Amino acid sequence: MLGAVVTAHGVDGFKFDAGDFYAYRPTDVTYVPTDPAGQSEAWATVGLAYPFNEYRACWKMGGQPLAQRLHDKPPPGGRTAWRRSSRRPSPKG
C-alpha cells in the first residue's frame, strides 16, 4: 500500500515509528520465527525500499541508508513552552 501512496501522490519516503524491542515478545507467532531483535530488524528493512525514511527505533542496520533518531525528545522548555510558541499571532496584535 505504501507503493500506491508513492505513485498516487509522489511521496519520497515515510516516517516509521515502532520497532522497539519491548513491543515484541519471544512468544509472538510470526510468519518467520524470530525473536524481538529479529522483529525489530525486519521492521527496519521496510524503509530500505524508499529513498527517504526515518526510524525511531531499529536494530542491526548500521551502514544502511536509514535515518534513525535517538528518541523522541520534548522541545526545549517543555511541552507547554512548545504549545505557546506554536500558536498563531492574534490578528489584534
Protein backbone atom coordinates (compact mmCIF):
# COMPACT_ATOMS: atom_id res chain seq x y z
CA MET A 1 0.00 0.00 0.00
CA LEU A 2 2.89 2.40 0.58
CA GLY A 3 3.88 1.97 -3.06
CA ALA A 4 0.42 3.17 -4.07
CA VAL A 5 0.89 6.32 -1.96
CA VAL A 6 4.23 6.97 -3.68
CA THR A 7 2.67 6.51 -7.12
CA ALA A 8 -0.50 8.49 -6.48
CA HIS A 9 0.98 11.39 -4.54
CA GLY A 10 4.68 11.48 -5.39
CA VAL A 11 5.76 10.84 -1.81
CA ASP A 12 9.54 10.32 -1.45
CA GLY A 13 9.56 8.50 1.87
CA PHE A 14 8.00 7.78 5.22
CA LYS A 15 8.47 8.16 8.94
CA PHE A 16 8.37 4.71 10.51
CA ASP A 17 7.65 4.57 14.24
CA ALA A 18 7.71 1.29 16.17
CA GLY A 19 10.47 -1.30 16.13
CA ASP A 20 11.13 -1.17 19.87
CA PHE A 21 12.21 -4.47 21.42
CA TYR A 22 9.70 -4.14 24.25
CA ALA A 23 6.84 -4.19 21.73
CA TYR A 24 7.71 -7.76 20.72
CA ARG A 25 7.60 -10.85 22.92
CA PRO A 26 9.64 -14.01 22.37
CA THR A 27 6.32 -15.90 22.34
CA ASP A 28 4.84 -13.85 19.44
CA VAL A 29 3.86 -16.00 16.47
CA THR A 30 5.36 -14.54 13.30
CA TYR A 31 5.49 -15.50 9.63
CA VAL A 32 9.20 -16.29 10.00
CA PRO A 33 10.05 -17.48 13.52
CA THR A 34 12.31 -14.93 15.22
CA ASP A 35 12.98 -13.13 18.49
CA PRO A 36 12.32 -9.47 19.40
CA ALA A 37 15.64 -8.39 17.86
CA GLY A 38 14.71 -10.12 14.60
CA GLN A 39 11.32 -8.41 14.60
CA SER A 40 12.95 -5.01 15.04
CA GLU A 41 15.45 -5.74 12.27
CA ALA A 42 12.70 -6.94 9.92
CA TRP A 43 10.70 -3.76 10.55
CA ALA A 44 13.74 -1.65 9.65
CA THR A 45 14.14 -3.37 6.27
CA VAL A 46 10.76 -1.95 5.15
CA GLY A 47 12.32 1.51 4.85
CA LEU A 48 15.06 0.33 2.50
CA ALA A 49 12.56 0.45 -0.36
CA TYR A 50 12.20 4.25 -0.09
CA PRO A 51 14.88 6.90 -0.68
CA PHE A 52 13.80 8.97 2.33
CA ASN A 53 12.85 7.39 5.64
CA GLU A 54 13.15 7.97 9.35
CA TYR A 55 13.07 5.46 12.15
CA ARG A 56 12.62 5.97 15.84
CA ALA A 57 13.95 2.51 16.63
CA CYS A 58 15.60 -0.27 14.64
CA TRP A 59 18.27 -2.92 15.04
CA LYS A 60 21.36 -4.10 13.15
CA MET A 61 21.01 -1.66 10.28
CA GLY A 62 24.37 0.12 10.56
CA GLY A 63 25.66 1.25 7.18
CA GLN A 64 22.21 1.07 5.59
CA PRO A 65 20.54 4.16 4.08
CA LEU A 66 18.18 4.65 7.03
CA ALA A 67 17.83 7.77 9.16
CA GLN A 68 17.37 6.96 12.82
CA ARG A 69 16.71 9.48 15.56
CA LEU A 70 17.91 8.69 19.05
CA HIS A 71 14.48 9.01 20.67
CA ASP A 72 11.53 11.36 20.86
CA LYS A 73 12.57 14.43 22.80
CA PRO A 74 10.37 17.15 24.25
CA PRO A 75 11.12 20.65 22.95
CA PRO A 76 13.40 22.93 24.99
CA GLY A 77 11.40 24.48 27.80
CA GLY A 78 8.99 21.52 27.95
CA ARG A 79 5.87 20.67 26.01
CA THR A 80 3.83 23.62 27.26
CA ALA A 81 6.51 26.07 26.03
CA TRP A 82 6.26 24.50 22.57
CA ARG A 83 2.47 24.86 22.55
CA ARG A 84 2.70 28.55 23.49
CA SER A 85 5.33 29.29 20.82
CA SER A 86 3.45 27.45 18.08
CA ARG A 87 0.26 29.48 18.39
CA ARG A 88 -0.59 31.87 15.61
CA PRO A 89 -0.32 35.53 16.44
CA SER A 90 -3.56 37.25 17.28
CA PRO A 91 -4.99 39.36 14.43
CA LYS A 92 -5.42 42.14 17.02
CA GLY A 93 -1.65 42.24 17.53
